Protein backbone atom coordinates (compact mmCIF):
# COMPACT_ATOMS: atom_id res chain seq x y z
CA MET A 1 89.83 97.44 114.84
CA LYS A 2 92.45 95.86 117.00
CA GLY A 3 96.04 97.04 116.77
CA ASP A 4 97.18 100.58 117.11
CA ASN A 5 98.92 101.41 113.87
CA ALA A 6 98.83 100.75 110.14
CA THR A 7 102.15 98.92 110.18
CA THR A 8 100.62 96.20 112.36
CA TRP A 9 97.76 95.70 109.93
CA ILE A 10 100.05 95.59 106.89
CA GLY A 11 102.06 92.89 108.65
CA MET A 12 98.89 90.94 109.35
CA ALA A 13 97.97 91.09 105.64
CA ALA A 14 101.42 89.84 104.65
CA SER A 15 101.25 87.04 107.20
CA GLU A 16 97.83 85.99 105.93
CA LEU A 17 99.17 85.64 102.39
CA LEU A 18 102.46 84.01 103.39
CA HIS A 19 100.64 81.29 105.28
CA GLY A 20 98.20 80.44 102.48
CA GLY A 21 95.32 82.39 103.99
CA ASP A 22 92.39 84.07 102.38
CA ILE A 23 93.10 86.96 100.01
CA GLY A 24 89.83 88.56 101.13
CA ALA A 25 91.09 88.69 104.71
CA ALA A 26 94.39 90.18 103.57
CA LEU A 27 92.54 92.88 101.63
CA ALA A 28 90.42 93.64 104.69
CA PHE A 29 93.58 94.08 106.76
CA LEU A 30 94.97 96.46 104.13
CA ALA A 31 91.72 98.43 104.10
CA ASP A 32 91.95 98.83 107.88
CA ALA A 33 95.57 99.95 107.48
CA GLU A 34 94.47 102.58 104.97
CA VAL A 35 91.97 103.97 107.47
CA LEU A 36 94.68 104.17 110.13
CA VAL A 37 97.02 105.95 107.70
CA THR A 38 94.39 108.60 107.05
CA MET A 39 94.10 109.03 110.82
CA GLY A 40 97.87 109.49 111.07
CA ARG A 41 98.35 106.21 112.93
CA VAL A 42 101.50 104.96 111.20
CA ALA A 43 104.50 103.87 113.22
CA ASP A 44 107.86 102.82 111.87
CA GLY A 45 109.15 101.55 115.20
CA PRO A 46 108.62 101.83 118.93
CA GLY A 47 108.04 105.44 119.87
CA HIS A 48 108.41 106.71 116.31
CA GLY A 49 105.74 107.91 113.92
CA CYS A 50 105.98 108.62 110.22
């Protein structure tokens, strides 16, 4: 996975859908985000974790 936190991956999923992309790709991004959440890799801003 590229990207260091779940927030990045959620944003990528939203961008995919906003720009008429593939729903399968968006779901894959969300699945990766879920893995990062379970690892505690969620950031709500620079230098801050949830």
